Amino acid sequence: MKAMILAAGFGTRMRPLTDTCPKPLLRVGGRPLIEHHLERLAQAGIKEVVINVSYRAEQIITALGDGQRFGLTLHYSRETTPLETGGGIQAALPLLGEAPFVLVNGDVWCETLPQITALGKDDLAHLLLVDNPDHHPAGDFALQGGRIVADSTATKDEPRLTFSGLSLINPALVAGEPPGAFALAPLLKAAMRQGRVSGEHFTGRWVDVGTPERLAALDKSLTDASTASTP
């Protein structure tokens, strides 16, 4: 199985940090954020990873190289201008192939990556949902019997959870769309309404590294943990 990391955005929410450094190369715990993803993917048994790049692409390619030091083979999908999530995935399909692949948003961090290896026969995606962080208390979707419901209201027994940015995607989800820039979220919601998206509640440690403040908090947490574990 292959994986794709979304890394082509401008990182506008992270400015001024991203004025000279692409978001995937911002450092947490002593190394670039994207290296944490690569390590987790290798640990999960992934061998090939596609990374879409656009803003300051050469910095990312130079920093990561061919992936050998991570135990991976890296491929780069270059975008002249960012194609958003859906368009970026579609443009990378020649590198990804026709089989389902793991998709990782470049601006999240997780301590472990669970094994997500198969989709249901007619499913287009499998999403990992997490408990709602303080900055997103309303959540995104409800999980009902292993299926994700886009339009459900929260209840005590079935609260809305937050999409983690970790998923397994069937290429058919984006393959038929007109080429160009388009978002993934509307396609996922349409597939949910067709009953074609499964999901699970991921309870491992996870952080949405979407602002300089959250980046700094994660960096301090990882650095403190590393210091505490050093004899």
Protein backbone atom coordinates (compact mmCIF):
# COMPACT_ATOMS: atom_id res chain seq x y z
CA MET A 1 0.00 0.00 0.00
CA LYS A 2 1.12 3.55 -0.78
CA ALA A 3 0.51 6.78 1.09
CA MET A 4 0.19 10.44 0.19
CA ILE A 5 1.09 13.47 2.31
CA LEU A 6 -0.60 16.76 1.44
CA ALA A 7 2.20 19.33 1.54
CA ALA A 8 1.54 21.84 -1.24
CA GLY A 9 -0.27 24.63 0.60
CA PHE A 10 0.99 28.13 1.34
CA GLY A 11 0.58 27.69 5.11
CA THR A 12 -1.11 31.07 5.47
CA ARG A 13 -2.37 30.35 9.00
CA MET A 14 1.21 29.72 10.08
CA ARG A 15 2.59 33.08 8.96
CA PRO A 16 5.05 34.64 9.62
CA LEU A 17 6.76 31.26 10.18
CA THR A 18 5.97 30.14 6.63
CA ASP A 19 7.15 33.33 4.93
CA THR A 20 10.50 31.65 4.31
CA CYS A 21 9.89 28.01 5.29
CA PRO A 22 7.20 25.68 3.89
CA LYS A 23 4.86 24.39 6.58
CA PRO A 24 5.98 20.71 6.32
CA LEU A 25 9.52 21.75 7.28
CA LEU A 26 8.55 23.66 10.43
CA ARG A 27 10.27 21.94 13.32
CA VAL A 28 8.62 20.19 16.26
CA GLY A 29 10.50 18.02 18.71
CA GLY A 30 13.78 18.86 17.02
CA ARG A 31 12.93 17.94 13.43
CA PRO A 32 10.58 18.88 10.58
CA LEU A 33 6.91 18.04 11.06
CA ILE A 34 6.80 15.99 7.86
CA GLU A 35 9.55 13.69 9.13
CA HIS A 36 7.25 12.60 11.95
CA HIS A 37 4.71 11.54 9.30
CA LEU A 38 7.32 9.63 7.33
CA GLU A 39 8.48 7.77 10.42
CA ARG A 40 4.91 6.80 11.34
CA LEU A 41 4.17 5.61 7.81
CA ALA A 42 7.31 3.47 7.73
CA GLN A 43 6.38 1.99 11.10
CA ALA A 44 2.93 1.14 9.70
CA GLY A 45 4.52 -0.87 6.88
CA ILE A 46 4.16 1.69 4.10
CA LYS A 47 6.97 1.49 1.51
CA GLU A 48 6.14 4.27 -0.98
CA VAL A 49 4.95 7.80 -0.23
CA VAL A 50 3.79 10.49 -2.66
CA ILE A 51 4.18 14.08 -1.51
CA ASN A 52 2.51 16.89 -3.43
CA VAL A 53 4.59 20.06 -3.44
CA SER A 54 4.13 23.60 -4.73
CA TYR A 55 5.03 26.43 -2.35
CA ARG A 56 8.81 26.34 -1.79
CA ALA A 57 8.82 22.87 -3.33
CA GLU A 58 12.58 22.67 -3.77
CA GLN A 59 13.16 23.17 -0.06
CA ILE A 60 11.00 20.14 0.72
CA ILE A 61 12.58 17.97 -1.97
CA THR A 62 16.10 18.92 -0.92
CA ALA A 63 15.35 18.25 2.76
CA LEU A 64 13.77 14.82 2.23
CA GLY A 65 15.52 13.48 -0.84
CA ASP A 66 14.56 10.04 -2.10
CA GLY A 67 13.37 8.84 1.31
CA GLN A 68 16.01 6.15 1.75
CA ARG A 69 17.02 7.35 5.21
CA PHE A 70 13.43 6.84 6.35
CA GLY A 71 13.22 3.37 4.84
CA LEU A 72 10.85 4.69 2.19
CA THR A 73 10.72 5.54 -1.50
CA LEU A 74 9.47 9.10 -1.96
CA HIS A 75 7.79 10.45 -5.09
CA TYR A 76 6.95 14.12 -5.63
CA SER A 77 3.86 15.41 -7.39
CA ARG A 78 4.73 18.95 -8.44
CA GLU A 79 1.97 21.55 -8.75
CA THR A 80 2.63 24.82 -10.58
CA THR A 81 0.03 26.36 -8.29
CA PRO A 82 -1.65 24.56 -5.37
CA LEU A 83 -4.61 22.47 -6.57
CA GLU A 84 -6.37 22.20 -3.18
CA THR A 85 -6.88 18.81 -1.57
CA GLY A 86 -8.99 17.10 -4.21
CA GLY A 87 -7.14 18.47 -7.21
CA GLY A 88 -3.79 17.68 -5.65
CA ILE A 89 -4.78 14.06 -5.06
CA GLN A 90 -6.16 13.73 -8.58
CA ALA A 91 -2.95 15.10 -10.10
CA ALA A 92 -0.95 12.55 -8.10
CA LEU A 93 -2.98 9.51 -9.20
CA PRO A 94 -0.42 8.44 -11.85
CA LEU A 95 2.05 8.04 -8.97
CA LEU A 96 -0.45 6.49 -6.56
CA GLY A 97 -1.99 3.88 -8.85
CA GLU A 98 -5.48 2.41 -8.71
CA ALA A 99 -5.45 0.83 -5.24
CA PRO A 100 -6.65 2.59 -2.06
CA PHE A 101 -3.96 4.62 -0.33
CA VAL A 102 -3.38 6.23 3.04
CA LEU A 103 -3.86 10.01 2.99
CA VAL A 104 -2.23 12.25 5.60
CA ASN A 105 -2.86 15.97 6.01
CA GLY A 106 0.50 17.66 6.36
CA ASP A 107 -0.56 19.90 9.26
CA VAL A 108 -1.49 17.27 11.85
CA TRP A 109 0.67 15.22 14.21
CA CYS A 110 -0.10 11.85 15.73
CA GLU A 111 1.87 9.66 18.10
CA THR A 112 1.06 6.45 16.22
CA LEU A 113 -0.59 5.65 12.91
CA PRO A 114 -3.16 2.85 13.20
CA GLN A 115 -3.33 0.10 10.61
CA ILE A 116 -5.96 1.07 8.03
CA THR A 117 -5.57 -1.47 5.29
CA ALA A 118 -8.91 -2.16 3.61
CA LEU A 119 -12.08 -0.50 2.38
CA GLY A 120 -15.52 -2.02 2.20
CA LYS A 121 -16.54 -3.29 -1.24
CA ASP A 122 -18.39 -0.14 -2.29
CA ASP A 123 -16.68 2.37 -0.01
CA LEU A 124 -14.80 5.39 -1.26
CA ALA A 125 -13.08 6.33 2.01
CA HIS A 126 -12.39 5.34 5.60
CA LEU A 127 -11.79 8.23 8.00
CA LEU A 128 -10.19 8.35 11.43
CA LEU A 129 -12.13 10.61 13.79
CA VAL A 130 -10.79 12.03 17.05
CA ASP A 131 -12.22 13.68 20.14
CA ASN A 132 -13.02 17.32 19.48
CA PRO A 133 -10.10 19.63 20.32
CA ASP A 134 -10.76 22.83 22.27
CA HIS A 135 -10.55 24.95 19.11
CA HIS A 136 -13.19 22.83 17.30
CA PRO A 137 -15.77 21.82 19.94
CA ALA A 138 -18.66 21.16 17.52
CA GLY A 139 -16.85 18.40 15.64
CA ASP A 140 -17.37 17.38 12.02
CA PHE A 141 -19.22 14.07 11.67
CA ALA A 142 -21.06 11.43 13.67
CA LEU A 143 -19.97 7.80 13.72
CA GLN A 144 -22.88 5.36 13.61
CA GLY A 145 -22.21 1.64 13.48
CA GLY A 146 -18.88 2.09 11.77
CA ARG A 147 -20.34 4.46 9.17
CA ILE A 148 -19.78 8.21 9.01
CA VAL A 149 -22.81 10.48 8.79
CA ALA A 150 -22.23 14.00 7.52
CA ASP A 151 -25.49 15.66 8.47
CA SER A 152 -26.16 14.08 11.86
CA THR A 153 -26.76 16.24 14.91
CA ALA A 154 -24.92 15.39 18.10
CA THR A 155 -26.51 13.19 20.76
CA LYS A 156 -25.23 11.89 24.07
CA ASP A 157 -24.73 8.40 22.64
CA GLU A 158 -23.47 9.55 19.23
CA PRO A 159 -21.51 12.79 19.62
CA ARG A 160 -19.99 14.49 16.62
CA LEU A 161 -16.25 13.88 16.33
CA THR A 162 -13.49 15.70 14.45
CA PHE A 163 -11.86 14.42 11.26
CA SER A 164 -8.21 13.75 12.08
CA GLY A 165 -6.80 14.32 8.60
CA LEU A 166 -5.87 10.62 8.46
CA SER A 167 -7.78 8.42 6.05
CA LEU A 168 -7.80 5.62 3.50
CA ILE A 169 -8.96 6.83 0.09
CA ASN A 170 -10.23 5.03 -2.99
CA PRO A 171 -8.81 6.84 -6.05
CA ALA A 172 -12.28 6.66 -7.63
CA LEU A 173 -13.35 9.40 -5.19
CA VAL A 174 -11.50 12.03 -7.23
CA ALA A 175 -10.66 10.34 -10.53
CA GLY A 176 -13.80 11.42 -12.38
CA GLU A 177 -13.68 15.11 -11.46
CA PRO A 178 -12.66 17.76 -14.02
CA PRO A 179 -8.91 18.44 -13.70
CA GLY A 180 -7.87 21.54 -11.79
CA ALA A 181 -8.20 22.88 -8.28
CA PHE A 182 -11.04 21.49 -6.17
CA ALA A 183 -11.64 20.57 -2.54
CA LEU A 184 -11.95 17.05 -1.19
CA ALA A 185 -14.51 17.76 1.54
CA PRO A 186 -17.59 18.12 -0.71
CA LEU A 187 -16.79 14.81 -2.40
CA LEU A 188 -16.43 13.08 0.96
CA LYS A 189 -19.74 14.47 2.18
CA ALA A 190 -21.50 13.36 -1.00
CA ALA A 191 -20.05 9.86 -0.53
CA MET A 192 -21.22 9.85 3.10
CA ARG A 193 -24.78 10.61 2.00
CA GLN A 194 -24.53 7.62 -0.33
CA GLY A 195 -23.43 5.43 2.59
CA ARG A 196 -19.97 4.89 1.10
CA VAL A 197 -17.70 6.17 3.88
CA SER A 198 -16.69 4.11 6.90
CA GLY A 199 -14.82 5.31 9.94
CA GLU A 200 -13.41 4.65 13.37
CA HIS A 201 -12.70 6.57 16.56
CA PHE A 202 -8.94 7.07 16.91
CA THR A 203 -7.96 7.57 20.55
CA GLY A 204 -4.20 7.96 20.20
CA ARG A 205 -2.49 11.26 20.87
CA TRP A 206 -3.21 13.68 18.03
CA VAL A 207 -2.68 17.41 17.44
CA ASP A 208 -3.93 19.77 14.73
CA VAL A 209 -0.78 21.84 14.17
CA GLY A 210 -2.64 24.63 12.43
CA THR A 211 -1.37 27.79 14.15
CA PRO A 212 1.98 29.04 15.46
CA GLU A 213 0.65 28.73 19.00
CA ARG A 214 -0.31 25.06 18.62
CA LEU A 215 2.99 24.36 16.89
CA ALA A 216 4.89 25.91 19.79
CA ALA A 217 2.84 23.97 22.34
CA LEU A 218 3.50 20.66 20.58
CA ASP A 219 7.19 21.47 20.23
CA LYS A 220 7.47 22.19 23.96
CA SER A 221 5.59 18.98 24.82
CA LEU A 222 7.81 16.80 22.63
CA THR A 223 11.01 18.53 23.75
CA ASP A 224 10.08 18.21 27.43
CA ALA A 225 9.22 14.53 26.96
CA SER A 226 12.54 13.90 25.22
CA THR A 227 14.46 15.69 27.94
CA ALA A 228 12.66 13.74 30.67
CA SER A 229 13.49 10.42 29.02
CA THR A 230 17.20 11.23 28.66
CA PRO A 231 19.28 9.75 31.50
